[in-house]
């Protein structure tokens, strides 16, 4: 399609702030996105101008003169959560510790204009790029195998653009006008990873509680209460899994889809989905087991009732004969 189709979440752009970074004064731009799956995504843009790639390693754990970027973003996330607290439904306390995903964006035009070939540049600087993505200050310490692994997933559409994706960092070299679309895809993949990890923890807690309740029946809680909780968890997890899958349902651009697929493979999103589906099936089996047990008890009660009625009928019959 001519027009790219992107999901538009609720978004707030905060006023830029001046900071003193490791390379001097910088202007920090912050963007907050609220996603319907119950996630807060905070993106921080920090400009840079360096002579070599190794100078950028410090941006993984960026330190300002008044504190670290990680602590600042965490405080901002807590502030957002507190302001939205009246609108929450079953919030998770406390806020989990998430790792940042760092993306280094380079302007292609600054490296030679139309004659520049991004793939050739990567081939010449592959070890330095691997060192940057893996947060290693000494370029020579990395093995050839690690260099190949860290930079093995790269994609290019035009001669002058390239995207290299790794586990917790990525490098983009392109026209600045195309940065936003690629960054959006990377943001969605990271949100999916964080949500899948959160759902996995929720399912682990639900399964552990279900096993405990089933083994302690009927001493702890009545089966009706346990079965109702299992039913709610099954419905919630199925709905959340569906929303998570549909958030990246359609991109409208094949190259961006390839980037998403590379990120999905790097993050093992498919394995996470299969793990959650297996736990949902286990939870469903527990629910069915409990429901069958409840039905068997009702059938036993009905059978005993029928037997009692039959005995009562015989007693009345013999009484009337006498």
Protein backbone atom coordinates (compact mmCIF):
# COMPACT_ATOMS: atom_id res chain seq x y z
CA UNK A 1 0.00 0.00 0.00
CA UNK A 2 1.06 3.57 -0.64
CA UNK A 3 0.35 4.67 2.92
CA UNK A 4 1.98 2.75 5.77
CA UNK A 5 -0.44 1.46 8.39
CA UNK A 6 0.83 1.98 11.92
CA UNK A 7 -0.88 1.61 15.26
CA UNK A 8 -1.14 5.04 16.91
CA UNK A 9 -0.95 4.79 20.72
CA UNK A 10 -1.63 7.57 23.18
CA UNK A 11 1.58 9.61 23.18
CA UNK A 12 3.02 12.59 25.04
CA UNK A 13 6.17 14.47 23.99
CA UNK A 14 7.78 16.12 27.01
CA UNK A 15 9.67 19.41 26.71
CA UNK A 16 13.39 18.88 25.89
CA UNK A 17 15.88 19.23 28.70
CA UNK A 18 19.52 20.28 28.72
CA UNK A 19 21.94 17.77 30.25
CA UNK A 20 25.68 17.42 30.64
CA UNK A 21 26.65 14.03 29.23
CA UNK A 22 29.97 12.19 28.88
CA UNK A 23 30.67 14.05 25.61
CA UNK A 24 29.46 17.48 26.72
CA UNK A 25 26.13 19.35 26.75
CA UNK A 26 23.22 17.58 25.03
CA UNK A 27 19.52 18.21 24.59
CA UNK A 28 17.44 15.22 25.73
CA UNK A 29 14.05 14.54 24.10
CA UNK A 30 11.61 12.23 25.90
CA UNK A 31 8.47 10.55 24.58
CA UNK A 32 5.92 8.57 26.60
CA UNK A 33 3.55 6.08 24.96
CA UNK A 34 0.62 4.37 26.66
CA UNK A 35 -0.27 1.04 25.08
CA UNK A 36 -3.68 -0.65 25.59
CA UNK A 37 -2.02 -3.91 26.66
CA UNK A 38 -1.06 -2.23 29.94
CA UNK A 39 2.46 -1.06 29.13
CA UNK A 40 4.28 2.26 29.39
CA UNK A 41 6.97 2.85 26.76
CA UNK A 42 9.46 5.67 27.33
CA UNK A 43 11.82 6.66 24.51
CA UNK A 44 14.77 9.00 25.08
CA UNK A 45 16.59 10.61 22.14
CA UNK A 46 20.12 11.91 22.77
CA UNK A 47 22.15 13.41 19.89
CA UNK A 48 25.85 12.59 19.50
CA UNK A 49 28.82 13.41 17.31
CA UNK A 50 31.93 11.23 17.70
CA UNK A 51 35.13 10.33 15.89
CA UNK A 52 34.95 6.56 16.48
CA UNK A 53 32.36 3.94 17.41
CA UNK A 54 34.12 3.04 20.64
CA UNK A 55 33.24 6.47 22.06
CA UNK A 56 29.57 5.48 21.98
CA UNK A 57 29.88 2.49 24.32
CA UNK A 58 29.18 4.77 27.31
CA UNK A 59 25.69 5.49 25.88
CA UNK A 60 24.53 2.01 26.93
CA UNK A 61 24.53 3.18 30.54
CA UNK A 62 24.36 6.92 29.99
CA UNK A 63 25.47 9.04 32.92
CA UNK A 64 24.62 12.73 33.23
CA UNK A 65 26.10 15.23 35.62
CA UNK A 66 22.99 14.94 37.82
CA UNK A 67 22.54 11.16 37.70
CA UNK A 68 22.02 8.22 35.34
CA UNK A 69 19.50 8.08 32.53
CA UNK A 70 18.22 4.74 33.85
CA UNK A 71 17.22 6.22 37.21
CA UNK A 72 15.66 9.25 35.56
CA UNK A 73 13.50 7.12 33.26
CA UNK A 74 12.45 4.87 36.13
CA UNK A 75 11.34 7.91 38.16
CA UNK A 76 9.43 9.17 35.14
CA UNK A 77 7.69 5.80 34.74
CA UNK A 78 6.69 5.83 38.42
CA UNK A 79 5.34 9.36 38.00
CA UNK A 80 3.27 8.33 34.99
CA UNK A 81 1.93 5.30 36.81
CA UNK A 82 0.93 7.33 39.87
CA UNK A 83 -0.91 9.87 37.73
CA UNK A 84 -2.83 7.09 35.96
CA UNK A 85 -3.54 5.09 39.11
CA UNK A 86 -7.29 6.00 39.26
CA UNK A 87 -7.78 4.35 35.85
CA UNK A 88 -5.99 1.07 36.57
CA UNK A 89 -7.61 -2.36 36.71
CA UNK A 90 -5.67 -4.77 38.91
CA UNK A 91 -2.27 -3.03 38.67
CA UNK A 92 0.94 -4.96 39.30
CA UNK A 93 3.00 -3.70 42.22
CA UNK A 94 5.83 -2.79 42.28
CA UNK A 95 7.14 -1.61 38.91
CA UNK A 96 9.39 -4.32 37.48
CA UNK A 97 13.03 -3.69 36.60
CA UNK A 98 13.33 -3.60 32.81
CA UNK A 99 16.46 -3.38 30.69
CA UNK A 100 16.79 -0.55 28.18
CA UNK A 101 17.18 -1.23 24.48
CA UNK A 102 19.76 1.11 22.93
CA UNK A 103 19.59 2.04 19.25
CA UNK A 104 22.43 3.97 17.59
CA UNK A 105 21.21 5.95 14.58
CA UNK A 106 23.71 7.23 11.98
CA UNK A 107 22.99 9.56 9.10
CA UNK A 108 24.00 8.02 5.78
CA UNK A 109 24.69 11.32 4.05
CA UNK A 110 27.47 12.08 6.50
CA UNK A 111 29.43 9.08 5.20
CA UNK A 112 29.87 9.77 1.51
CA UNK A 113 26.52 10.63 -0.07
CA UNK A 114 25.19 8.64 -3.03
CA UNK A 115 28.34 6.55 -3.51
CA UNK A 116 28.25 5.25 0.03
CA UNK A 117 27.53 1.50 0.47
CA UNK A 118 26.35 0.62 3.95
CA UNK A 119 27.14 -3.09 3.60
CA UNK A 120 30.74 -2.30 2.66
CA UNK A 121 31.00 0.02 5.65
CA UNK A 122 29.73 -2.76 7.95
CA UNK A 123 32.24 -5.23 6.50
CA UNK A 124 35.10 -2.80 7.27
CA UNK A 125 33.88 -1.90 10.77
CA UNK A 126 32.28 -5.19 11.81
CA UNK A 127 34.42 -5.71 14.88
CA UNK A 128 33.86 -2.13 16.07
CA UNK A 129 30.09 -2.49 15.53
CA UNK A 130 30.07 -5.76 17.48
CA UNK A 131 31.98 -4.08 20.29
CA UNK A 132 29.45 -1.26 20.34
CA UNK A 133 26.41 -3.56 20.39
CA UNK A 134 27.84 -5.84 23.09
CA UNK A 135 29.06 -2.91 25.25
CA UNK A 136 32.71 -3.94 25.10
CA UNK A 137 35.26 -1.12 25.34
CA UNK A 138 38.17 -3.17 24.00
CA UNK A 139 37.48 -4.03 20.36
CA UNK A 140 40.22 -6.69 20.20
CA UNK A 141 38.89 -8.75 23.11
CA UNK A 142 35.90 -10.09 21.21
CA UNK A 143 36.26 -13.42 19.45
CA UNK A 144 35.48 -13.79 15.77
CA UNK A 145 32.55 -16.01 16.67
CA UNK A 146 31.00 -13.31 18.89
CA UNK A 147 31.57 -10.67 16.23
CA UNK A 148 29.77 -12.85 13.71
CA UNK A 149 26.94 -13.59 16.13
CA UNK A 150 26.37 -9.97 17.21
CA UNK A 151 26.36 -8.55 13.69
CA UNK A 152 24.93 -11.55 11.85
CA UNK A 153 21.37 -10.21 11.68
CA UNK A 154 21.55 -7.18 9.43
CA UNK A 155 19.17 -5.98 6.73
CA UNK A 156 19.56 -3.47 3.92
CA UNK A 157 17.05 -2.12 1.40
CA UNK A 158 18.91 0.62 -0.48
CA UNK A 159 22.68 0.77 -0.95
CA UNK A 160 23.03 3.44 1.70
CA UNK A 161 20.95 1.99 4.55
CA UNK A 162 21.44 -0.89 6.95
CA UNK A 163 19.99 -2.11 10.23
CA UNK A 164 21.96 -4.41 12.57
CA UNK A 165 19.94 -5.92 15.44
CA UNK A 166 21.27 -7.63 18.54
CA UNK A 167 19.81 -8.76 21.87
CA UNK A 168 19.92 -5.45 23.78
CA UNK A 169 21.12 -2.94 21.17
CA UNK A 170 20.86 -2.13 17.48
CA UNK A 171 22.51 0.08 14.88
CA UNK A 172 20.65 1.93 12.13
CA UNK A 173 22.32 3.73 9.24
CA UNK A 174 19.81 5.52 7.02
CA UNK A 175 18.33 8.83 5.99
CA UNK A 176 17.07 10.55 9.19
CA UNK A 177 13.58 10.75 7.68
CA UNK A 178 13.31 6.96 7.92
CA UNK A 179 14.49 6.60 11.52
CA UNK A 180 11.06 6.94 13.13
CA UNK A 181 9.46 3.99 11.33
CA UNK A 182 12.32 1.61 12.10
CA UNK A 183 12.49 2.75 15.73
CA UNK A 184 8.75 2.17 16.07
CA UNK A 185 9.12 -1.44 14.92
CA UNK A 186 11.98 -1.98 17.38
CA UNK A 187 9.91 -0.44 20.16
CA UNK A 188 7.00 -2.80 19.47
CA UNK A 189 9.25 -5.86 19.53
CA UNK A 190 10.72 -4.78 22.88
CA UNK A 191 7.26 -4.13 24.31
CA UNK A 192 6.17 -7.59 23.21
CA UNK A 193 9.18 -9.16 24.90
CA UNK A 194 8.51 -7.30 28.16
CA UNK A 195 4.81 -8.21 28.08
CA UNK A 196 5.50 -11.88 27.36
CA UNK A 197 7.90 -12.02 30.29
CA UNK A 198 5.25 -10.39 32.51
CA UNK A 199 2.54 -12.83 31.36
CA UNK A 200 4.90 -15.73 31.95
CA UNK A 201 5.41 -14.61 35.57
CA UNK A 202 1.65 -14.20 36.04
CA UNK A 203 0.98 -17.67 34.70
CA UNK A 204 3.68 -19.18 36.92
CA UNK A 205 2.02 -17.62 39.97
CA UNK A 206 -1.43 -18.74 38.82
CA UNK A 207 -0.30 -22.32 38.21
CA UNK A 208 1.49 -22.52 41.56
CA UNK A 209 -1.59 -21.19 43.34
CA UNK A 210 -3.85 -23.57 41.42
CA UNK A 211 -1.71 -26.61 42.26
CA UNK A 212 -1.73 -25.58 45.92
CA UNK A 213 -5.49 -25.05 46.00
CA UNK A 214 -6.21 -28.34 44.27
CA UNK A 215 -3.93 -30.32 46.58
CA UNK A 216 -5.46 -28.72 49.68
CA UNK A 217 -9.07 -29.24 48.72
CA UNK A 218 -11.37 -29.00 50.56
CA UNK A 219 -9.38 -27.74 53.54
CA UNK A 220 -8.47 -24.31 52.15
CA UNK A 221 -11.06 -22.82 49.83
CA UNK A 222 -14.21 -24.21 48.20
CA UNK A 223 -13.82 -25.55 44.68
CA UNK A 224 -16.34 -23.02 43.38
CA UNK A 225 -14.02 -20.13 44.32
CA UNK A 226 -10.93 -21.81 42.85
CA UNK A 227 -12.75 -22.66 39.61
CA UNK A 228 -13.98 -19.08 39.25
CA UNK A 229 -10.42 -17.76 39.64
CA UNK A 230 -9.11 -20.25 37.06
CA UNK A 231 -11.85 -19.20 34.65
CA UNK A 232 -10.95 -15.50 35.03
CA UNK A 233 -7.24 -16.18 34.51
CA UNK A 234 -7.91 -18.22 31.37
CA UNK A 235 -10.05 -15.47 29.86
CA UNK A 236 -7.62 -12.68 30.81
CA UNK A 237 -4.55 -14.47 29.47
CA UNK A 238 -6.27 -15.39 26.20
CA UNK A 239 -7.41 -11.79 25.69
CA UNK A 240 -4.01 -10.32 26.53
CA UNK A 241 -2.22 -12.76 24.24
CA UNK A 242 -4.57 -11.83 21.40
CA UNK A 243 -4.04 -8.09 21.93
CA UNK A 244 -0.28 -8.57 22.07
CA UNK A 245 -0.29 -10.43 18.76
CA UNK A 246 -2.52 -7.90 17.01
CA UNK A 247 -0.43 -4.87 18.02
CA UNK A 248 1.99 -5.70 15.19
CA UNK A 249 -0.55 -7.32 12.90
CA UNK A 250 0.04 -5.17 9.84
CA UNK A 251 2.95 -2.90 8.99
CA UNK A 252 2.35 -2.16 5.31
CA UNK A 253 6.06 -2.29 4.44
CA UNK A 254 7.95 -5.50 3.61
CA UNK A 255 11.36 -4.18 4.70
CA UNK A 256 10.00 -3.14 8.11
CA UNK A 257 8.41 -6.56 8.42
CA UNK A 258 11.81 -8.14 7.79
CA UNK A 259 13.30 -6.00 10.56
CA UNK A 260 10.53 -7.11 12.90
CA UNK A 261 11.14 -10.75 11.99
CA UNK A 262 14.86 -10.35 12.72
CA UNK A 263 14.06 -8.80 16.11
CA UNK A 264 11.49 -11.50 16.83
CA UNK A 265 14.07 -14.20 16.12
CA UNK A 266 16.70 -12.38 18.22
CA UNK A 267 14.27 -12.00 21.16
CA UNK A 268 12.88 -15.57 20.73
CA UNK A 269 9.32 -14.20 20.74
CA UNK A 270 8.04 -17.36 19.09
CA UNK A 271 9.43 -19.50 21.92
CA UNK A 272 7.88 -17.16 24.50
CA UNK A 273 4.49 -17.46 22.76
CA UNK A 274 4.70 -21.25 22.71
CA UNK A 275 5.69 -21.37 26.40
CA UNK A 276 2.72 -19.19 27.36
CA UNK A 277 0.36 -21.25 25.19
CA UNK A 278 1.56 -24.44 26.90
CA UNK A 279 0.99 -22.93 30.34
CA UNK A 280 -2.47 -21.75 29.24
CA UNK A 281 -3.26 -25.31 28.16
CA UNK A 282 -2.01 -26.59 31.51
CA UNK A 283 -4.21 -24.05 33.27
CA UNK A 284 -7.10 -25.09 31.07
CA UNK A 285 -6.46 -28.73 32.00
CA UNK A 286 -6.58 -27.86 35.70
CA UNK A 287 -9.81 -25.99 35.14
CA UNK A 288 -11.33 -28.94 33.26
CA UNK A 289 -10.08 -31.34 35.94
CA UNK A 290 -11.69 -29.30 38.68
CA UNK A 291 -14.89 -28.92 36.68
CA UNK A 292 -15.04 -32.67 36.03
CA UNK A 293 -14.48 -33.34 39.72
CA UNK A 294 -17.28 -30.92 40.57
CA UNK A 295 -19.61 -32.58 38.04
CA UNK A 296 -18.78 -36.01 39.48
CA UNK A 297 -19.70 -34.79 42.95
CA UNK A 298 -23.01 -33.45 41.67
CA UNK A 299 -23.70 -36.74 39.89
CA UNK A 300 -22.94 -38.61 43.11
CA UNK A 301 -25.29 -36.34 45.01
CA UNK A 302 -28.03 -36.88 42.41
CA UNK A 303 -27.55 -40.65 42.50
CA UNK A 304 -27.71 -40.68 46.29
CA UNK A 305 -30.84 -38.54 46.13
CA UNK A 306 -32.47 -40.98 43.72
CA UNK A 307 -31.57 -43.92 45.98
CA UNK A 308 -32.95 -42.11 49.03
CA UNK A 309 -36.17 -41.30 47.17
CA UNK A 310 -36.48 -44.95 46.12
CA UNK A 311 -35.96 -46.12 49.72
CA UNK A 312 -38.46 -43.55 50.96
CA UNK A 313 -40.96 -44.75 48.38
CA UNK A 314 -40.54 -48.36 49.56
CA UNK A 315 -40.94 -47.35 53.19
CA UNK A 316 -44.16 -45.47 52.39
CA UNK A 317 -45.43 -48.41 50.34
CA UNK A 318 -44.90 -50.93 53.17
CA UNK A 319 -46.36 -48.48 55.71
CA UNK A 320 -49.54 -48.06 53.67
CA UNK A 321 -49.96 -51.87 53.36
CA UNK A 322 -49.80 -52.29 57.09
